[in-house]
Amino acid sequence: MGTHLTVDMQEYFLKFRQLLYRFLAILTFVILGMMRHSDTLLAEEPPVEPLRIGTFLSITGQAAFIGAPALATLKLYVNLLNIRGGLLGRKVELIDYDVGIDPRTAQIAVRRLIYFDKVDAIIGGSTSGATMSVLPIISEAKIPFIALANSGALLHPIRSWVFKSSQTHRMACKTILNDMQRRGIEFLGMISGDDGFASTTRAHCIEIAKILGISVIADEVYRSQTRKVLEPLKRIKMKRKVQAVLNVDFGSSPAYVTRDFRKLGFDIPLYQTHGVATLDYLDLSGVAAEGVRLPVPPIVIADKLDDADPIKSILLSYIKLYERRWEVTPSVYGSYAFDAIRLYASAIRRARSFEPKKIRKALEETENYVGANGLVKMSPKNHMGLYFRAFRMVEIRDGDWTPVN
């Protein structure tokens, strides 16, 4: 036998090679076809729409100090969400409008957000008046809305689509008057501004004082933002039984009340409201503010909170992020926006859906949420859910806020 192939074997290998070439050609054709079909499918698949969050805030004008920190916080957190991949795989887009303090402008902005921008949810409202004015529009559109304004009327009555992340004026009054009651104060003198904030808060404080058995035996009102507060204070001083004075207002007038209170030689406690929890009040009041007590949101004393307080680490993280991005310290108004957008993000994750009804239900089922302003537990009958220590009582000592246990 030699090493040469027989004719039959040569024919067999020739046919096998032809079949192999034909198979490879067909396989190549099929693969190329699949690749072209795949490219076509990819080209035809619509891009994933971003999740749109709308906001209307007072960015300019007399309430800019409320709206600007809120917008800065929303921009910061949206950017953070997108760095982490968005929410359930969708990028987040923030659409914002500056509405000042005008309710009509707020209504126009909200309608535009809903019907033109097609937002999935709305967070905002710097002032109570502008925020209250849009509630019928929100209810008609059936879109989740988390309000930032303080007014408790936003949630009374409960509206299916309206939630809230900020404390209420009534909660501030309760904190103040509980402190007075613990100190044995029975007779109170009040002095208030005449703007919306002061009028609303004053009414709550008078009502709660009556419930707690504290008699308001002096009740003076001055023009908000005025320096002329000496005369109404003199009238309070004439009431010999007054054991403490409560000033209800925000802006510059409370500092003038504080200075004139010392000038008149009062030897009883002076209380202010959460409306003066600012460095401006400390600077303008100076040494006259020593000993003044007031309720403050936790962010004001974040570094002084007990290490065991569950909100301390959340607050310090938020402050650090904000300062790194904007090079200023955030205010309480920024913390309201911080809680609002985190509550919304949490609801989406728990609902595993972007469907408005499911998100609304998830918001109502929020519990054990640790936010910048306290612990939150919502329900169908409570669309805020803030734990009662959402305000902390402080006393001003050596020009700084000192927690009162």
Protein backbone atom coordinates (compact mmCIF):
# COMPACT_ATOMS: atom_id res chain seq x y z
CA MET A 1 0.00 0.00 0.00
CA GLY A 2 1.30 3.52 -0.82
CA THR A 3 0.56 6.91 0.72
CA HIS A 4 -1.55 8.13 -2.27
CA LEU A 5 -5.33 8.61 -1.81
CA THR A 6 -7.64 6.50 -3.89
CA VAL A 7 -9.97 8.15 -6.42
CA ASP A 8 -12.98 7.42 -4.19
CA MET A 9 -11.37 9.07 -1.19
CA GLN A 10 -10.39 12.10 -3.23
CA GLU A 11 -13.97 12.54 -4.43
CA TYR A 12 -15.27 12.16 -0.85
CA PHE A 13 -13.02 14.91 0.53
CA LEU A 14 -13.82 17.16 -2.41
CA LYS A 15 -17.58 16.90 -1.75
CA PHE A 16 -17.05 17.38 2.00
CA ARG A 17 -15.04 20.55 1.39
CA GLN A 18 -17.72 21.92 -0.96
CA LEU A 19 -20.44 21.24 1.62
CA LEU A 20 -18.35 22.88 4.35
CA TYR A 21 -17.80 25.99 2.26
CA ARG A 22 -21.52 26.17 1.46
CA PHE A 23 -22.44 25.82 5.17
CA LEU A 24 -20.00 28.54 6.19
CA ALA A 25 -21.36 30.87 3.50
CA ILE A 26 -24.94 30.31 4.68
CA LEU A 27 -23.92 30.80 8.32
CA THR A 28 -22.14 34.05 7.47
CA PHE A 29 -25.21 35.28 5.58
CA VAL A 30 -27.49 34.46 8.53
CA ILE A 31 -25.22 36.19 11.06
CA LEU A 32 -24.93 39.32 8.92
CA GLY A 33 -28.70 39.38 8.50
CA MET A 34 -29.22 39.08 12.24
CA MET A 35 -26.80 41.92 12.86
CA ARG A 36 -28.59 44.16 10.36
CA HIS A 37 -31.96 43.28 11.91
CA SER A 38 -30.59 44.01 15.38
CA ASP A 39 -29.29 47.41 14.25
CA THR A 40 -32.72 48.18 12.79
CA LEU A 41 -34.46 47.26 16.05
CA LEU A 42 -32.05 49.40 18.05
CA ALA A 43 -32.55 52.31 15.70
CA GLU A 44 -36.34 52.02 15.92
CA GLU A 45 -36.50 51.63 19.75
CA PRO A 46 -37.53 54.98 21.26
CA PRO A 47 -35.18 56.52 23.83
CA VAL A 48 -36.20 56.33 27.49
CA GLU A 49 -37.88 59.59 28.50
CA PRO A 50 -36.40 61.31 31.54
CA LEU A 51 -38.39 61.48 34.76
CA ARG A 52 -39.49 65.10 34.98
CA ILE A 53 -39.87 66.88 38.31
CA GLY A 54 -41.39 70.35 38.20
CA THR A 55 -40.98 73.12 40.74
CA PHE A 56 -42.31 76.66 41.23
CA LEU A 57 -40.47 78.81 43.75
CA SER A 58 -39.76 82.38 44.83
CA ILE A 59 -36.29 82.76 43.36
CA THR A 60 -36.32 86.54 43.11
CA GLY A 61 -38.07 89.27 45.10
CA GLN A 62 -38.85 89.53 48.80
CA ALA A 63 -39.18 85.76 49.34
CA ALA A 64 -35.99 84.80 47.48
CA PHE A 65 -34.39 83.78 50.76
CA ILE A 66 -37.01 80.99 50.88
CA GLY A 67 -36.98 79.81 47.26
CA ALA A 68 -33.31 80.10 46.30
CA PRO A 69 -31.99 77.51 48.83
CA ALA A 70 -34.81 75.14 47.86
CA LEU A 71 -33.94 75.34 44.16
CA ALA A 72 -30.22 74.91 44.90
CA THR A 73 -31.03 71.78 46.90
CA LEU A 74 -33.26 70.29 44.20
CA LYS A 75 -30.57 70.86 41.55
CA LEU A 76 -27.97 69.30 43.83
CA TYR A 77 -30.02 66.17 44.55
CA VAL A 78 -31.16 65.68 40.94
CA ASN A 79 -27.52 65.76 39.88
CA LEU A 80 -26.71 63.23 42.60
CA LEU A 81 -29.51 60.91 41.45
CA ASN A 82 -28.29 61.05 37.85
CA ILE A 83 -24.72 60.28 38.86
CA ARG A 84 -26.11 57.16 40.53
CA GLY A 85 -28.07 56.11 37.42
CA GLY A 86 -31.31 57.98 37.96
CA LEU A 87 -34.47 56.43 39.40
CA LEU A 88 -35.28 52.89 38.25
CA GLY A 89 -33.01 53.47 35.28
CA ARG A 90 -34.52 56.78 34.18
CA LYS A 91 -32.55 60.01 34.25
CA VAL A 92 -34.16 62.81 36.24
CA GLU A 93 -34.83 66.26 34.79
CA LEU A 94 -35.74 69.31 36.89
CA ILE A 95 -37.96 72.00 35.34
CA ASP A 96 -38.26 75.17 37.42
CA TYR A 97 -40.16 78.45 37.29
CA ASP A 98 -39.67 81.60 39.35
CA VAL A 99 -43.09 82.81 40.52
CA GLY A 100 -42.15 85.35 43.18
CA ILE A 101 -44.97 85.57 45.72
CA ASP A 102 -47.82 86.05 43.22
CA PRO A 103 -50.53 83.33 43.35
CA ARG A 104 -51.65 84.00 39.77
CA THR A 105 -48.10 83.51 38.46
CA ALA A 106 -47.87 80.30 40.49
CA GLN A 107 -51.07 78.98 38.90
CA ILE A 108 -49.78 79.72 35.39
CA ALA A 109 -46.48 77.97 36.18
CA VAL A 110 -48.17 74.86 37.57
CA ARG A 111 -50.48 74.55 34.57
CA ARG A 112 -47.47 74.85 32.28
CA LEU A 113 -45.57 72.21 34.26
CA ILE A 114 -48.47 69.77 34.02
CA TYR A 115 -49.85 70.31 30.53
CA PHE A 116 -46.85 71.58 28.54
CA ASP A 117 -43.78 70.19 30.28
CA LYS A 118 -45.59 66.92 31.17
CA VAL A 119 -43.90 66.59 34.56
CA ASP A 120 -44.34 63.42 36.62
CA ALA A 121 -44.50 65.23 39.97
CA ILE A 122 -44.26 68.72 41.44
CA ILE A 123 -42.25 69.86 44.46
CA GLY A 124 -42.47 73.48 45.54
CA GLY A 125 -44.33 76.49 46.71
CA SER A 126 -42.28 78.94 48.77
CA THR A 127 -45.13 80.99 50.23
CA SER A 128 -48.38 79.71 51.67
CA GLY A 129 -50.57 81.96 49.51
CA ALA A 130 -49.03 80.89 46.21
CA THR A 131 -49.04 77.24 47.26
CA MET A 132 -52.66 77.21 48.41
CA SER A 133 -53.73 78.77 45.10
CA VAL A 134 -52.53 75.81 43.00
CA LEU A 135 -54.18 73.01 45.00
CA PRO A 136 -57.31 72.79 42.80
CA ILE A 137 -55.10 72.47 39.72
CA ILE A 138 -53.06 69.70 41.35
CA SER A 139 -56.19 67.82 42.42
CA GLU A 140 -57.72 68.01 38.94
CA ALA A 141 -54.54 66.79 37.25
CA LYS A 142 -54.04 63.92 39.77
CA ILE A 143 -50.29 64.40 40.02
CA PRO A 144 -48.13 63.89 43.16
CA PHE A 145 -47.33 67.21 44.83
CA ILE A 146 -45.04 67.74 47.83
CA ALA A 147 -45.44 71.24 49.25
CA LEU A 148 -42.62 73.15 50.93
CA ALA A 149 -44.63 76.02 52.46
CA ASN A 150 -45.33 76.00 56.20
CA SER A 151 -49.08 76.51 56.32
CA GLY A 152 -50.98 73.66 57.97
CA ALA A 153 -54.02 74.61 55.86
CA LEU A 154 -52.34 72.82 52.94
CA LEU A 155 -53.29 69.52 54.58
CA HIS A 156 -56.64 70.46 56.10
CA PRO A 157 -58.68 68.94 54.70
CA ILE A 158 -56.54 66.07 53.43
CA ARG A 159 -56.23 66.17 49.66
CA SER A 160 -55.38 62.91 47.89
CA TRP A 161 -52.45 64.26 45.85
CA VAL A 162 -51.03 66.84 48.26
CA PHE A 163 -48.21 66.04 50.71
CA LYS A 164 -45.90 68.26 52.76
CA SER A 165 -42.30 68.10 54.00
CA SER A 166 -42.09 71.20 56.23
CA GLN A 167 -43.16 71.84 59.79
CA THR A 168 -46.27 73.94 60.44
CA HIS A 169 -46.70 77.22 62.33
CA ARG A 170 -48.98 75.38 64.73
CA MET A 171 -46.17 72.96 65.61
CA ALA A 172 -43.93 75.94 66.40
CA CYS A 173 -46.57 77.44 68.72
CA LYS A 174 -47.00 74.14 70.49
CA THR A 175 -43.25 73.86 71.09
CA ILE A 176 -43.11 77.40 72.52
CA LEU A 177 -46.14 77.08 74.77
CA ASN A 178 -45.15 73.63 76.05
CA ASP A 179 -41.86 75.21 77.17
CA MET A 180 -43.74 78.03 78.91
CA GLN A 181 -45.98 75.54 80.66
CA ARG A 182 -42.96 73.60 81.94
CA ARG A 183 -41.62 76.88 83.36
CA GLY A 184 -44.88 77.60 85.18
CA ILE A 185 -45.89 80.57 83.04
CA GLU A 186 -49.63 81.29 83.30
CA PHE A 187 -50.00 84.86 81.98
CA LEU A 188 -48.64 85.80 78.55
CA GLY A 189 -48.17 89.03 76.64
CA MET A 190 -48.09 88.82 72.84
CA ILE A 191 -46.75 91.29 70.30
CA SER A 192 -47.09 90.46 66.60
CA GLY A 193 -46.60 91.77 63.11
CA ASP A 194 -49.55 92.19 60.75
CA ASP A 195 -48.36 90.14 57.74
CA GLY A 196 -49.69 86.72 56.73
CA PHE A 197 -47.06 84.73 58.62
CA ALA A 198 -47.53 86.67 61.85
CA SER A 199 -51.32 86.73 61.70
CA THR A 200 -51.63 83.00 61.06
CA THR A 201 -49.05 82.01 63.67
CA ARG A 202 -50.53 84.39 66.25
CA ALA A 203 -53.96 82.77 65.85
CA HIS A 204 -52.49 79.29 66.37
CA CYS A 205 -50.55 80.41 69.45
CA ILE A 206 -53.61 82.02 71.06
CA GLU A 207 -55.65 78.85 70.47
CA ILE A 208 -52.98 76.54 71.91
CA ALA A 209 -52.39 78.83 74.89
CA LYS A 210 -56.07 78.51 75.77
CA ILE A 211 -55.87 74.71 75.52
CA LEU A 212 -52.84 74.65 77.85
CA GLY A 213 -54.40 77.03 80.36
CA ILE A 214 -52.11 79.98 79.60
CA SER A 215 -53.96 83.32 79.57
CA VAL A 216 -53.04 85.90 76.91
CA ILE A 217 -53.61 89.12 78.87
CA ALA A 218 -51.88 91.48 76.42
CA ASP A 219 -52.14 91.27 72.62
CA GLU A 220 -50.42 94.02 70.62
CA VAL A 221 -50.06 94.23 66.82
CA TYR A 222 -47.58 96.39 64.89
CA ARG A 223 -46.87 96.95 61.20
CA SER A 224 -44.50 94.23 60.00
CA GLN A 225 -40.96 95.30 59.05
CA THR A 226 -41.21 98.46 61.15
CA ARG A 227 -38.78 99.74 63.77
CA LYS A 228 -41.55 101.37 65.77
CA VAL A 229 -42.29 98.72 68.37
CA LEU A 230 -41.48 100.59 71.57
CA GLU A 231 -45.02 101.87 72.30
CA PRO A 232 -46.77 98.48 72.07
CA LEU A 233 -44.08 97.03 74.34
CA LYS A 234 -44.72 99.80 76.88
CA ARG A 235 -48.39 98.85 76.92
CA ILE A 236 -47.47 95.22 77.63
CA LYS A 237 -45.15 96.28 80.45
CA MET A 238 -48.07 98.01 82.13
CA LYS A 239 -49.75 94.59 82.54
CA ARG A 240 -48.23 93.66 85.91
CA LYS A 241 -49.27 90.00 85.77
CA VAL A 242 -47.49 89.23 82.47
CA GLN A 243 -44.90 86.49 83.11
CA ALA A 244 -43.45 86.18 79.56
CA VAL A 245 -43.63 87.96 76.20
CA LEU A 246 -43.97 86.21 72.83
CA ASN A 247 -43.09 88.08 69.62
CA VAL A 248 -44.59 86.63 66.44
CA ASP A 249 -43.01 87.87 63.22
CA PHE A 250 -40.02 87.44 60.90
CA GLY A 251 -37.63 89.81 59.18
CA SER A 252 -36.06 92.79 60.92
CA SER A 253 -38.84 93.80 63.34
CA PRO A 254 -38.21 90.99 65.88
CA ALA A 255 -34.66 92.29 66.38
CA TYR A 256 -36.06 95.75 67.21
CA VAL A 257 -38.58 94.13 69.58
CA THR A 258 -35.69 92.33 71.29
CA ARG A 259 -33.59 95.48 71.67
CA ASP A 260 -36.50 97.60 72.94
CA PHE A 261 -37.55 94.80 75.29
CA ARG A 262 -34.15 95.11 77.00
CA LYS A 263 -34.24 98.91 76.85
CA LEU A 264 -37.52 98.94 78.79
CA GLY A 265 -36.00 96.76 81.50
CA PHE A 266 -38.30 93.74 81.30
CA ASP A 267 -37.19 91.09 83.81
CA ILE A 268 -39.28 88.24 82.35
CA PRO A 269 -38.54 85.73 79.55
CA LEU A 270 -38.80 86.79 75.90
CA TYR A 271 -39.79 84.22 73.28
CA GLN A 272 -39.54 84.47 69.51
CA THR A 273 -40.87 82.12 66.80
CA HIS A 274 -39.10 80.00 64.19
CA GLY A 275 -39.34 83.00 61.87
CA VAL A 276 -36.17 84.46 63.43
CA ALA A 277 -33.99 81.35 63.37
CA THR A 278 -31.39 83.16 61.28
CA LEU A 279 -27.92 84.62 61.73
CA ASP A 280 -29.35 87.99 60.66
CA TYR A 281 -31.50 88.05 63.80
CA LEU A 282 -28.48 87.28 65.99
CA ASP A 283 -26.39 89.97 64.30
CA LEU A 284 -29.07 92.68 64.44
CA SER A 285 -30.15 91.91 68.01
CA GLY A 286 -26.63 91.66 69.40
CA VAL A 287 -26.30 91.16 73.17
CA ALA A 288 -30.01 91.95 73.63
CA ALA A 289 -30.83 88.46 72.33
CA GLU A 290 -29.10 86.79 75.29
CA GLY A 291 -31.61 84.46 76.98
CA VAL A 292 -34.25 84.62 74.22
CA ARG A 293 -35.93 81.26 73.57
CA LEU A 294 -37.41 80.04 70.29
CA PRO A 295 -38.17 76.83 68.37
CA VAL A 296 -35.77 76.03 65.51
CA PRO A 297 -35.68 73.35 62.81
CA PRO A 298 -32.99 70.74 63.55
CA ILE A 299 -30.67 72.03 60.80
CA VAL A 300 -30.00 75.18 62.85
CA ILE A 301 -28.31 73.10 65.59
CA ALA A 302 -27.19 70.11 63.49
CA ASP A 303 -23.70 69.97 65.00
CA LYS A 304 -25.14 70.21 68.54
CA LEU A 305 -27.58 67.31 68.22
CA ASP A 306 -26.93 64.22 70.30
CA ASP A 307 -24.90 61.62 68.41
CA ALA A 308 -27.70 59.12 69.10
CA ASP A 309 -30.22 61.35 67.30
CA PRO A 310 -31.02 59.46 64.05
CA ILE A 311 -31.35 62.63 61.95
CA LYS A 312 -27.91 64.02 62.84
CA SER A 313 -25.93 62.04 60.27
CA ILE A 314 -28.51 62.81 57.56
CA LEU A 315 -28.31 66.53 58.30
CA LEU A 316 -24.53 66.67 58.42
CA SER A 317 -24.26 64.78 55.10
CA TYR A 318 -26.70 67.19 53.45
CA ILE A 319 -24.89 70.24 54.81
CA LYS A 320 -21.54 68.89 53.61
CA LEU A 321 -22.85 68.19 50.09
CA TYR A 322 -24.51 71.61 49.86
CA GLU A 323 -21.47 73.51 51.07
CA ARG A 324 -19.18 71.60 48.71
CA ARG A 325 -21.42 72.42 45.72
CA TRP A 326 -22.56 75.97 46.50
CA GLU A 327 -19.90 77.18 48.99
CA VAL A 328 -22.53 78.44 51.44
CA THR A 329 -24.36 76.81 54.33
CA PRO A 330 -27.92 75.64 53.54
CA SER A 331 -30.91 77.11 55.34
CA VAL A 332 -33.99 75.40 56.69
CA TYR A 333 -35.78 76.16 53.41
CA GLY A 334 -33.25 74.03 51.60
CA SER A 335 -33.82 71.21 54.08
CA TYR A 336 -37.54 71.17 53.22
CA ALA A 337 -36.66 70.57 49.55
CA PHE A 338 -34.08 67.95 50.55
CA ASP A 339 -36.72 65.96 52.42
CA ALA A 340 -39.32 66.41 49.68
CA ILE A 341 -37.25 65.02 46.82
CA ARG A 342 -35.93 62.17 48.96
CA LEU A 343 -39.49 61.25 49.96
CA TYR A 344 -40.50 61.20 46.29
CA ALA A 345 -37.48 59.10 45.28
CA SER A 346 -38.17 56.68 48.13
CA ALA A 347 -41.80 56.30 47.02
CA ILE A 348 -40.74 55.45 43.45
CA ARG A 349 -38.27 52.83 44.65
CA ARG A 350 -40.80 51.23 46.98
CA ALA A 351 -43.58 51.31 44.36
CA ARG A 352 -41.23 49.99 41.65
CA SER A 353 -43.29 52.13 39.32
CA PHE A 354 -43.72 55.60 37.84
CA GLU A 355 -47.50 55.32 37.78
CA PRO A 356 -48.92 58.32 39.73
CA LYS A 357 -51.50 56.34 41.73
CA LYS A 358 -48.88 53.84 42.89
CA ILE A 359 -46.49 56.61 43.89
CA ARG A 360 -49.27 58.41 45.78
CA LYS A 361 -50.03 55.19 47.64
CA ALA A 362 -46.34 54.66 48.43
CA LEU A 363 -46.09 58.19 49.84
CA GLU A 364 -49.04 57.49 52.12
CA GLU A 365 -47.32 54.32 53.31
CA THR A 366 -44.08 56.11 54.23
CA GLU A 367 -42.87 55.11 57.68
CA ASN A 368 -39.58 55.16 59.55
CA TYR A 369 -38.26 57.73 57.07
CA VAL A 370 -35.33 59.61 58.58
CA GLY A 371 -35.24 63.10 57.15
CA ALA A 372 -33.49 66.39 57.75
CA ASN A 373 -36.44 67.67 59.78
CA GLY A 374 -37.31 64.58 61.76
CA LEU A 375 -38.79 61.12 61.58
CA VAL A 376 -41.75 60.72 59.22
CA LYS A 377 -44.66 58.30 59.32
CA MET A 378 -47.48 59.12 56.91
CA SER A 379 -50.91 57.58 56.46
CA PRO A 380 -54.07 58.22 54.42
CA LYS A 381 -55.08 60.66 57.19
CA ASN A 382 -51.66 62.28 57.65
CA HIS A 383 -49.79 63.55 54.58
CA MET A 384 -46.95 65.16 56.55
CA GLY A 385 -46.22 62.64 59.29
CA LEU A 386 -43.50 64.60 61.07
CA TYR A 387 -42.62 63.42 64.58
CA PHE A 388 -43.41 66.02 67.27
CA ARG A 389 -39.71 66.94 67.73
CA ALA A 390 -39.54 68.49 64.27
CA PHE A 391 -38.84 71.72 66.14
CA ARG A 392 -36.19 71.96 68.88
CA MET A 393 -36.30 74.59 71.60
CA VAL A 394 -33.14 76.67 71.96
CA GLU A 395 -31.95 79.54 74.12
CA ILE A 396 -29.55 82.13 72.78
CA ARG A 397 -26.37 82.17 74.85
CA ASP A 398 -23.19 84.06 73.96
CA GLY A 399 -24.61 84.83 70.53
CA ASP A 400 -25.29 81.21 69.60
CA TRP A 401 -28.14 78.68 69.67
CA THR A 402 -28.03 76.41 72.73
CA PRO A 403 -30.42 73.43 72.87
CA VAL A 404 -32.85 73.41 75.79
CA ASN A 405 -33.45 69.92 77.14
